[in-house]
């Protein structure tokens, strides 16, 4: 639809101004809300899209009548929605899969933290709009990160941080004089790992950069970067013998770490061993970022344990394939979330080791900020796009209501959950994470009035009103 063929942009300052104006119009004479705020593509209750704060909990986005406003991350955000139907499949040449992607891009104004200030974040929601169940569905980020001249860049993987990256090769080719540069793409959190009724241990092959492994909680694991692959037809002018074709089959093979149906990425050199006898690897050019060799299924390479591009090849005009998932069954109507960070670093008069070390330190900080939901600039990562299902109020019993000093929560489900209390105007007053089973919230500091309690799990959410007297 033409009305969705656009980009919506909004800043946190614009949202704060709107909220101030809505509560007290007389304080901002002549104010008019931004068009992108008024036209924010929230969708409908049956087809939710861009996240928003539903002040009166009526599941309709109506900023002027109800005071609703976009629920963004960071200090500036942009939202787009796209699909693979109606246009050519430029990279793969394959048939449409009828996938919809809703993407929220956001950034932080955080000059005190170079990792945060130099990073663009993205939250991708992928929805299966087809009538087909896709088995072994594998979401993959395809990146072509050229730094000036695309024919003299190196590439690599930081396995522990779930990052694929590109860096400048030779000082004579630096685009900014003697400044070394690098760009990285980090899978902060991939899709949810299929349930298996156990807590997968830290020795699981995907635990090195996944979330929830070995924490004692059953079935709360999320994939990180499960495979990285590079696509280069030439290495310093030499034809790559492992690249045998193009098309959708080739792209899917690359996403799962194969050059072709039977020829896998092998550890060492260029990663191309046409004999098929090499040590199978899930990550290209990991350097020393995988000291326990998760990427080779814990097999220690006989030679060259530190495998890096600048010690092996010069990959010309190289693209990266960064995948997150394994054995995912993606049924009609299913959806999944990918949280991604795009970061970059520069080192004046820098060497290979210096620019890689700085970029990896950025990735380490960004993963820490994301996993603790505690970035250095005040706004966290905890706002999620609308979940897949909603619980009914009968599934979460809250009492007493009205309440005075304490509010009891008795859920009927067994998932870990988060509880948030909002003022009726939409202001968040309390946020309690990692609850499980029955809980008792201390609400003595709340003023008398009407409040909203939101219970959110990785499966869904429910909102209930309560009165504090």
Protein backbone atom coordinates (compact mmCIF):
# COMPACT_ATOMS: atom_id res chain seq x y z
CA UNK A 1 0.00 0.00 0.00
CA UNK A 2 1.29 3.46 -0.89
CA UNK A 3 0.68 4.83 2.60
CA UNK A 4 3.38 2.47 3.91
CA UNK A 5 5.90 3.39 1.20
CA UNK A 6 7.72 5.86 3.43
CA UNK A 7 10.01 6.29 6.42
CA UNK A 8 8.67 7.63 9.72
CA UNK A 9 11.18 9.50 11.88
CA UNK A 10 10.76 10.82 15.40
CA UNK A 11 12.96 12.06 18.24
CA UNK A 12 12.57 11.64 21.97
CA UNK A 13 12.49 15.43 22.33
CA UNK A 14 9.54 15.62 19.92
CA UNK A 15 7.71 12.97 21.95
CA UNK A 16 8.42 14.80 25.23
CA UNK A 17 7.19 18.07 23.72
CA UNK A 18 3.98 16.40 22.56
CA UNK A 19 3.33 14.88 25.99
CA UNK A 20 3.90 18.23 27.68
CA UNK A 21 1.55 19.95 25.22
CA UNK A 22 -1.13 17.28 25.60
CA UNK A 23 -1.13 17.55 29.41
CA UNK A 24 -1.00 21.37 29.39
CA UNK A 25 -1.72 23.00 25.99
CA UNK A 26 -1.50 26.45 27.49
CA UNK A 27 2.19 25.92 28.26
CA UNK A 28 3.05 25.65 24.54
CA UNK A 29 1.03 28.16 22.54
CA UNK A 30 1.20 27.68 18.78
CA UNK A 31 2.49 24.11 19.07
CA UNK A 32 1.54 21.56 16.39
CA UNK A 33 2.50 17.88 16.73
CA UNK A 34 4.90 16.53 14.08
CA UNK A 35 3.22 14.76 11.16
CA UNK A 36 5.22 11.57 11.74
CA UNK A 37 3.95 11.44 15.32
CA UNK A 38 0.33 11.96 14.24
CA UNK A 39 0.69 9.42 11.40
CA UNK A 40 2.81 6.88 13.31
CA UNK A 41 1.99 3.48 11.69
CA UNK A 42 0.74 1.70 14.78
CA UNK A 43 -1.48 -0.60 12.72
CA UNK A 44 -4.50 -2.27 14.30
CA UNK A 45 -5.10 -4.63 17.20
CA UNK A 46 -5.16 -7.56 14.76
CA UNK A 47 -2.15 -6.30 12.76
CA UNK A 48 0.14 -4.35 15.16
CA UNK A 49 3.10 -2.52 13.65
CA UNK A 50 5.14 0.36 15.09
CA UNK A 51 5.24 0.26 18.92
CA UNK A 52 3.35 2.96 20.81
CA UNK A 53 2.23 3.85 24.32
CA UNK A 54 -1.50 3.16 24.52
CA UNK A 55 -2.42 5.64 27.24
CA UNK A 56 -6.05 4.55 27.68
CA UNK A 57 -5.45 0.89 26.77
CA UNK A 58 -8.04 0.83 23.98
CA UNK A 59 -5.63 -0.83 21.45
CA UNK A 60 -6.07 2.10 19.06
CA UNK A 61 -3.48 4.76 18.23
CA UNK A 62 -5.13 8.15 18.64
CA UNK A 63 -2.64 10.77 19.83
CA UNK A 64 -4.96 13.77 19.71
CA UNK A 65 -7.93 12.12 21.42
CA UNK A 66 -6.08 9.89 23.91
CA UNK A 67 -2.54 11.21 24.19
CA UNK A 68 -0.98 8.10 22.64
CA UNK A 69 2.58 8.49 21.35
CA UNK A 70 5.35 6.44 19.69
CA UNK A 71 7.26 4.09 21.98
CA UNK A 72 10.78 4.40 20.65
CA UNK A 73 14.23 3.33 21.72
CA UNK A 74 17.20 5.70 21.83
CA UNK A 75 17.01 9.44 21.23
CA UNK A 76 16.05 9.30 17.55
CA UNK A 77 14.24 6.56 15.67
CA UNK A 78 13.01 5.67 12.21
CA UNK A 79 10.42 3.02 11.33
CA UNK A 80 9.88 1.22 8.03
CA UNK A 81 7.85 -1.76 6.90
CA UNK A 82 8.72 -3.85 3.84
CA UNK A 83 8.12 -7.24 2.27
CA UNK A 84 9.51 -9.48 -0.46
CA UNK A 85 6.42 -9.41 -2.69
CA UNK A 86 5.97 -7.12 -5.67
CA UNK A 87 9.61 -6.49 -6.48
CA UNK A 88 12.56 -8.42 -7.82
CA UNK A 89 14.68 -10.60 -5.54
CA UNK A 90 17.85 -8.72 -6.40
CA UNK A 91 20.35 -10.74 -4.35
CA UNK A 92 18.97 -14.27 -4.61
CA UNK A 93 16.75 -14.30 -7.70
CA UNK A 94 14.42 -16.60 -5.76
CA UNK A 95 10.66 -16.65 -5.39
CA UNK A 96 8.89 -14.46 -2.81
CA UNK A 97 8.46 -16.08 0.59
CA UNK A 98 5.74 -13.61 1.65
CA UNK A 99 7.72 -12.28 4.59
CA UNK A 100 6.98 -8.93 6.19
CA UNK A 101 9.74 -7.04 8.00
CA UNK A 102 8.94 -4.24 10.43
CA UNK A 103 12.13 -2.40 11.35
CA UNK A 104 12.78 0.18 14.04
CA UNK A 105 16.17 1.87 13.62
CA UNK A 106 17.40 4.01 16.51
CA UNK A 107 20.45 5.85 17.83
CA UNK A 108 21.60 7.48 21.05
CA UNK A 109 22.96 10.99 21.52
CA UNK A 110 25.73 9.79 23.79
CA UNK A 111 29.04 11.64 23.21
CA UNK A 112 30.40 10.37 26.54
CA UNK A 113 30.42 6.81 25.16
CA UNK A 114 32.04 6.25 21.77
CA UNK A 115 30.56 2.75 21.37
CA UNK A 116 27.03 4.10 21.83
CA UNK A 117 27.56 7.35 19.91
CA UNK A 118 29.06 5.55 16.90
CA UNK A 119 26.35 2.90 16.59
CA UNK A 120 23.04 2.53 14.78
CA UNK A 121 20.71 -0.04 16.35
CA UNK A 122 17.93 -1.97 14.67
CA UNK A 123 15.03 -4.07 15.90
CA UNK A 124 13.67 -6.27 13.12
CA UNK A 125 10.34 -8.06 13.46
CA UNK A 126 9.91 -10.75 10.79
CA UNK A 127 6.38 -12.08 10.19
CA UNK A 128 5.41 -15.05 8.05
CA UNK A 129 2.49 -13.72 5.97
CA UNK A 130 2.39 -16.81 3.77
CA UNK A 131 0.26 -19.93 4.11
CA UNK A 132 3.35 -22.12 4.26
CA UNK A 133 5.42 -23.44 7.15
CA UNK A 134 9.12 -22.98 6.46
CA UNK A 135 11.33 -25.61 8.08
CA UNK A 136 14.98 -24.77 8.88
CA UNK A 137 14.16 -21.09 8.53
CA UNK A 138 17.38 -19.09 8.92
CA UNK A 139 17.24 -15.30 9.28
CA UNK A 140 20.40 -13.77 7.84
CA UNK A 141 21.87 -10.27 7.61
CA UNK A 142 23.52 -9.69 4.22
CA UNK A 143 26.09 -6.91 4.50
CA UNK A 144 28.26 -5.20 1.89
CA UNK A 145 30.40 -2.98 4.12
CA UNK A 146 32.80 -1.32 1.68
CA UNK A 147 35.24 1.14 3.24
CA UNK A 148 36.18 3.48 0.38
CA UNK A 149 37.79 1.18 -2.24
CA UNK A 150 35.82 -2.09 -2.04
CA UNK A 151 38.65 -4.11 -3.57
CA UNK A 152 41.18 -3.80 -0.76
CA UNK A 153 39.22 -4.49 2.45
CA UNK A 154 39.70 -7.35 4.89
CA UNK A 155 36.90 -9.11 6.79
CA UNK A 156 36.64 -11.03 10.04
CA UNK A 157 34.43 -12.40 12.81
CA UNK A 158 34.41 -11.60 16.52
CA UNK A 159 32.80 -14.86 17.63
CA UNK A 160 32.46 -14.09 21.33
CA UNK A 161 30.59 -10.85 20.57
CA UNK A 162 28.54 -12.15 17.63
CA UNK A 163 30.01 -9.65 15.16
CA UNK A 164 31.09 -9.75 11.52
CA UNK A 165 33.28 -6.86 10.43
CA UNK A 166 35.23 -5.21 7.61
CA UNK A 167 38.47 -3.26 8.04
CA UNK A 168 40.87 -1.35 5.82
CA UNK A 169 43.79 -3.36 4.53
CA UNK A 170 46.90 -1.28 3.84
CA UNK A 171 47.89 2.19 5.12
CA UNK A 172 48.26 3.38 1.52
CA UNK A 173 44.58 2.56 0.89
CA UNK A 174 43.10 4.28 3.96
CA UNK A 175 40.30 6.63 2.84
CA UNK A 176 41.24 9.25 5.49
CA UNK A 177 44.97 9.54 5.17
CA UNK A 178 46.66 7.38 7.80
CA UNK A 179 43.44 6.56 9.74
CA UNK A 180 42.53 2.88 10.01
CA UNK A 181 38.78 2.24 9.85
CA UNK A 182 36.47 -0.68 10.60
CA UNK A 183 32.72 -1.35 10.52
CA UNK A 184 30.94 -4.15 12.36
CA UNK A 185 27.50 -5.76 12.45
CA UNK A 186 26.55 -7.36 15.79
CA UNK A 187 23.71 -9.83 16.39
CA UNK A 188 22.75 -8.64 19.87
CA UNK A 189 19.92 -11.13 20.11
CA UNK A 190 18.55 -13.49 17.48
CA UNK A 191 15.35 -15.53 17.44
CA UNK A 192 14.21 -17.69 20.31
CA UNK A 193 15.72 -21.17 20.33
CA UNK A 194 13.06 -23.91 19.96
CA UNK A 195 12.00 -25.33 23.33
CA UNK A 196 13.48 -28.65 24.46
CA UNK A 197 12.32 -28.71 28.12
CA UNK A 198 15.78 -28.06 29.55
CA UNK A 199 18.34 -25.37 30.21
CA UNK A 200 20.92 -25.70 27.46
CA UNK A 201 24.41 -25.61 29.03
CA UNK A 202 27.32 -23.29 28.41
CA UNK A 203 28.94 -26.10 26.45
CA UNK A 204 26.20 -25.88 23.83
CA UNK A 205 27.71 -24.91 20.43
CA UNK A 206 25.63 -21.72 20.29
CA UNK A 207 26.25 -20.62 23.89
CA UNK A 208 29.33 -18.53 23.09
CA UNK A 209 27.28 -15.52 21.94
CA UNK A 210 23.70 -16.63 22.64
CA UNK A 211 21.52 -15.55 25.56
CA UNK A 212 20.07 -17.66 28.37
CA UNK A 213 22.41 -20.65 28.11
CA UNK A 214 23.49 -22.23 31.40
CA UNK A 215 21.51 -19.85 33.62
CA UNK A 216 19.35 -22.47 35.29
CA UNK A 217 16.15 -21.37 33.52
CA UNK A 218 14.43 -23.83 31.20
CA UNK A 219 13.75 -22.80 27.58
CA UNK A 220 14.73 -19.14 27.75
CA UNK A 221 17.57 -19.34 25.23
CA UNK A 222 18.00 -17.04 22.25
CA UNK A 223 20.39 -17.53 19.36
CA UNK A 224 23.23 -15.11 18.74
CA UNK A 225 25.48 -15.28 15.69
CA UNK A 226 25.33 -18.96 14.70
CA UNK A 227 27.16 -18.74 11.35
CA UNK A 228 29.28 -16.20 9.52
CA UNK A 229 30.30 -16.50 5.89
CA UNK A 230 31.98 -14.22 3.39
CA UNK A 231 31.21 -13.99 -0.28
CA UNK A 232 34.15 -13.00 -2.49
CA UNK A 233 34.64 -14.05 -6.09
CA UNK A 234 38.30 -13.08 -6.11
CA UNK A 235 41.17 -13.09 -3.63
CA UNK A 236 43.72 -10.55 -4.72
CA UNK A 237 42.97 -11.22 -8.38
CA UNK A 238 42.73 -15.02 -8.02
CA UNK A 239 39.36 -16.63 -8.83
CA UNK A 240 37.68 -18.25 -5.83
CA UNK A 241 37.19 -21.92 -6.85
CA UNK A 242 34.55 -22.55 -4.17
CA UNK A 243 32.02 -20.11 -5.61
CA UNK A 244 30.26 -22.14 -8.29
CA UNK A 245 27.11 -20.16 -8.98
CA UNK A 246 24.50 -17.65 -7.86
CA UNK A 247 20.83 -17.80 -6.97
CA UNK A 248 18.60 -18.64 -4.03
CA UNK A 249 20.15 -22.07 -3.34
CA UNK A 250 23.61 -20.54 -3.30
CA UNK A 251 22.51 -17.77 -0.93
CA UNK A 252 20.87 -20.27 1.45
CA UNK A 253 23.99 -22.43 1.42
CA UNK A 254 26.13 -19.42 2.25
CA UNK A 255 23.80 -18.50 5.13
CA UNK A 256 24.39 -21.91 6.74
CA UNK A 257 28.15 -21.95 6.17
CA UNK A 258 28.43 -23.83 2.88
CA UNK A 259 30.00 -22.81 -0.40
CA UNK A 260 27.73 -25.33 -2.15
CA UNK A 261 25.39 -28.18 -1.21
CA UNK A 262 28.28 -30.34 0.01
CA UNK A 263 31.32 -28.05 0.27
CA UNK A 264 31.48 -26.37 3.66
CA UNK A 265 33.53 -23.49 5.06
CA UNK A 266 36.79 -25.00 6.34
CA UNK A 267 39.14 -23.60 8.95
CA UNK A 268 42.32 -21.89 7.77
CA UNK A 269 43.61 -20.19 4.64
CA UNK A 270 40.77 -18.86 2.51
CA UNK A 271 38.21 -21.22 4.06
CA UNK A 272 37.91 -22.95 0.68
CA UNK A 273 39.12 -26.57 0.70
CA UNK A 274 37.86 -28.20 -2.49
CA UNK A 275 38.92 -31.65 -1.23
CA UNK A 276 36.22 -31.54 1.43
CA UNK A 277 38.74 -32.82 3.99
CA UNK A 278 39.27 -29.60 5.94
CA UNK A 279 38.08 -28.91 9.47
CA UNK A 280 34.52 -27.62 9.25
CA UNK A 281 34.02 -24.09 10.63
CA UNK A 282 30.95 -22.01 11.44
CA UNK A 283 32.78 -18.67 11.45
CA UNK A 284 35.25 -17.13 9.00
CA UNK A 285 38.49 -15.46 10.15
CA UNK A 286 37.75 -15.53 13.93
CA UNK A 287 41.23 -14.45 14.99
CA UNK A 288 41.58 -15.18 18.71
CA UNK A 289 37.90 -14.45 19.51
CA UNK A 290 36.98 -18.15 19.82
CA UNK A 291 39.65 -19.48 22.15
CA UNK A 292 37.55 -22.53 23.08
CA UNK A 293 36.77 -23.28 19.41
CA UNK A 294 32.99 -23.28 19.59
CA UNK A 295 33.05 -22.60 15.84
CA UNK A 296 34.81 -25.88 15.06
CA UNK A 297 32.67 -27.92 17.46
CA UNK A 298 35.49 -27.73 20.04
CA UNK A 299 38.06 -29.29 17.74
CA UNK A 300 41.42 -27.51 17.95
CA UNK A 301 42.92 -26.82 14.51
CA UNK A 302 46.19 -28.62 13.91
CA UNK A 303 47.78 -25.49 12.43
CA UNK A 304 47.22 -21.73 12.50
CA UNK A 305 44.89 -21.52 15.54
CA UNK A 306 44.63 -17.73 15.08
CA UNK A 307 42.97 -17.45 11.66
CA UNK A 308 42.75 -13.90 10.29
CA UNK A 309 42.21 -12.48 6.82
CA UNK A 310 45.29 -10.27 6.76
CA UNK A 311 47.41 -13.36 7.43
CA UNK A 312 45.63 -15.38 4.75
CA UNK A 313 44.09 -13.56 1.77
CA UNK A 314 42.94 -10.24 0.37
CA UNK A 315 39.23 -10.64 -0.30
CA UNK A 316 38.01 -8.42 -3.14
CA UNK A 317 34.56 -6.78 -3.10
CA UNK A 318 33.45 -8.95 -0.19
CA UNK A 319 29.97 -9.33 1.32
CA UNK A 320 29.16 -10.82 4.70
CA UNK A 321 26.43 -13.33 5.57
CA UNK A 322 25.58 -13.26 9.31
CA UNK A 323 23.00 -15.85 10.36
CA UNK A 324 21.13 -16.49 13.60
CA UNK A 325 19.20 -19.70 14.10
CA UNK A 326 19.04 -23.45 13.69
CA UNK A 327 16.17 -25.89 13.07
CA UNK A 328 13.52 -23.15 13.30
CA UNK A 329 10.03 -24.03 12.09
CA UNK A 330 8.35 -20.81 10.94
CA UNK A 331 4.60 -21.31 10.57
CA UNK A 332 2.02 -18.94 9.03
CA UNK A 333 1.49 -15.98 11.34
CA UNK A 334 4.64 -16.67 13.36
CA UNK A 335 7.02 -13.83 14.05
CA UNK A 336 10.54 -13.43 15.37
CA UNK A 337 12.71 -10.56 16.57
CA UNK A 338 16.32 -9.74 15.67
CA UNK A 339 18.18 -7.04 17.58
CA UNK A 340 21.22 -5.80 15.65
CA UNK A 341 23.88 -3.12 16.11
CA UNK A 342 25.87 -1.48 13.31
CA UNK A 343 29.01 0.14 14.69
CA UNK A 344 32.26 1.64 13.42
CA UNK A 345 35.66 2.67 14.74
CA UNK A 346 38.68 4.70 13.62
CA UNK A 347 42.32 4.74 14.78
CA UNK A 348 44.69 7.46 13.48
CA UNK A 349 47.94 5.86 12.31
CA UNK A 350 46.41 2.56 13.37
CA UNK A 351 47.54 -0.96 12.60
CA UNK A 352 45.47 -4.07 11.87
CA UNK A 353 45.63 -5.18 15.49
CA UNK A 354 44.73 -1.74 16.85
CA UNK A 355 41.63 -1.20 14.73
CA UNK A 356 40.36 -4.76 15.32
CA UNK A 357 40.99 -4.42 19.06
CA UNK A 358 39.09 -1.12 19.25
CA UNK A 359 36.12 -2.42 17.26
CA UNK A 360 35.95 -5.55 19.42
CA UNK A 361 36.01 -3.40 22.58
CA UNK A 362 33.04 -1.47 21.16
CA UNK A 363 31.19 -4.73 20.51
CA UNK A 364 31.95 -5.96 24.02
CA UNK A 365 30.55 -2.76 25.55
CA UNK A 366 27.45 -2.78 23.35
CA UNK A 367 26.65 -6.38 24.27
CA UNK A 368 27.08 -5.53 27.95
CA UNK A 369 24.79 -2.50 27.71
CA UNK A 370 22.18 -4.51 25.84
CA UNK A 371 22.18 -7.57 28.10
CA UNK A 372 22.06 -5.55 31.30
CA UNK A 373 19.59 -3.05 29.78
CA UNK A 374 21.79 -0.34 31.23
CA UNK A 375 23.39 1.88 28.57
CA UNK A 376 25.35 4.92 29.80
CA UNK A 377 22.85 7.42 28.39
CA UNK A 378 19.72 6.77 30.42
CA UNK A 379 17.38 5.06 27.94
CA UNK A 380 17.37 1.26 27.84
CA UNK A 381 16.66 -1.46 25.30
CA UNK A 382 13.67 -3.01 27.11
CA UNK A 383 10.83 -1.61 24.97
CA UNK A 384 9.66 -4.40 22.70
CA UNK A 385 7.49 -4.41 19.61
CA UNK A 386 4.01 -5.78 20.32
CA UNK A 387 4.28 -9.44 21.34
CA UNK A 388 2.78 -12.29 19.40
CA UNK A 389 -0.08 -13.10 21.78
CA UNK A 390 -1.97 -11.43 24.60
CA UNK A 391 -2.94 -13.13 27.82
CA UNK A 392 -6.48 -12.64 29.09
CA UNK A 393 -7.03 -10.84 32.41
CA UNK A 394 -8.25 -14.15 33.88
CA UNK A 395 -4.72 -15.56 33.47
CA UNK A 396 -3.24 -12.94 35.84
CA UNK A 397 -5.02 -12.37 39.14
CA UNK A 398 -4.19 -9.10 40.94
CA UNK A 399 -5.49 -8.30 44.44
CA UNK A 400 -6.56 -6.47 46.47
CA UNK A 401 -8.08 -3.96 44.08
CA UNK A 402 -8.36 -1.21 45.30
CA UNK A 403 -5.01 -1.62 47.07
CA UNK A 404 -3.13 0.40 49.65
CA UNK A 405 0.39 -0.73 50.54
CA UNK A 406 0.90 -3.88 48.45
CA UNK A 407 -0.43 -5.42 45.23
CA UNK A 408 -0.32 -9.19 44.79
CA UNK A 409 0.21 -10.82 41.37
CA UNK A 410 -0.80 -14.45 40.88
CA UNK A 411 -0.25 -15.56 37.24
CA UNK A 412 -1.56 -18.86 35.91
CA UNK A 413 1.39 -19.28 33.52
CA UNK A 414 4.86 -20.45 34.56
CA UNK A 415 7.03 -18.18 32.34
CA UNK A 416 9.35 -15.60 33.90
CA UNK A 417 7.77 -12.16 33.55
CA UNK A 418 8.25 -8.43 33.88
CA UNK A 419 5.85 -6.13 35.71
CA UNK A 420 5.43 -2.44 34.86
CA UNK A 421 3.18 0.09 36.52
CA UNK A 422 2.06 3.12 34.49
CA UNK A 423 0.25 6.25 35.52
CA UNK A 424 -2.98 6.69 33.56
CA UNK A 425 -1.14 9.37 31.53
CA UNK A 426 1.33 6.73 30.30
CA UNK A 427 4.32 7.60 32.55
CA UNK A 428 6.27 4.53 33.69
CA UNK A 429 6.49 4.52 37.49
CA UNK A 430 7.80 1.04 38.32
CA UNK A 431 9.63 -1.62 36.31
CA UNK A 432 10.45 -4.98 37.92
CA UNK A 433 12.28 -7.64 35.91
CA UNK A 434 12.84 -11.37 36.34
CA UNK A 435 9.72 -12.20 38.33
CA UNK A 436 8.47 -15.78 38.50
CA UNK A 437 5.32 -17.22 40.03
CA UNK A 438 3.42 -15.23 42.64
CA UNK A 439 4.78 -11.78 43.47
CA UNK A 440 4.01 -8.94 45.87
CA UNK A 441 4.68 -5.37 44.76
CA UNK A 442 5.25 -2.54 47.22
CA UNK A 443 3.11 0.39 46.00
CA UNK A 444 3.22 2.51 49.15
CA UNK A 445 5.02 5.34 47.36
CA UNK A 446 2.28 5.72 44.73
CA UNK A 447 -0.18 8.56 45.14
CA UNK A 448 -3.90 7.70 45.29
CA UNK A 449 -5.35 7.25 41.81
CA UNK A 450 -5.86 4.91 38.86
CA UNK A 451 -2.89 2.97 37.47
CA UNK A 452 -2.16 0.41 34.77
CA UNK A 453 -0.27 -2.82 35.50
CA UNK A 454 1.40 -4.51 32.53
CA UNK A 455 2.60 -8.11 32.82
CA UNK A 456 4.95 -9.07 29.96
CA UNK A 457 6.66 -12.36 29.15
CA UNK A 458 8.55 -13.48 26.06
CA UNK A 459 5.25 -15.06 24.97
CA UNK A 460 2.89 -12.12 25.39
CA UNK A 461 1.43 -9.49 27.71
CA UNK A 462 -1.68 -8.40 29.58
CA UNK A 463 -2.69 -4.98 30.93
CA UNK A 464 -4.97 -4.47 33.95
CA UNK A 465 -6.18 -1.41 35.84
CA UNK A 466 -5.99 -1.05 39.58
CA UNK A 467 -6.80 1.67 42.10
CA UNK A 468 -4.45 2.92 44.82
CA UNK A 469 -6.30 4.55 47.72
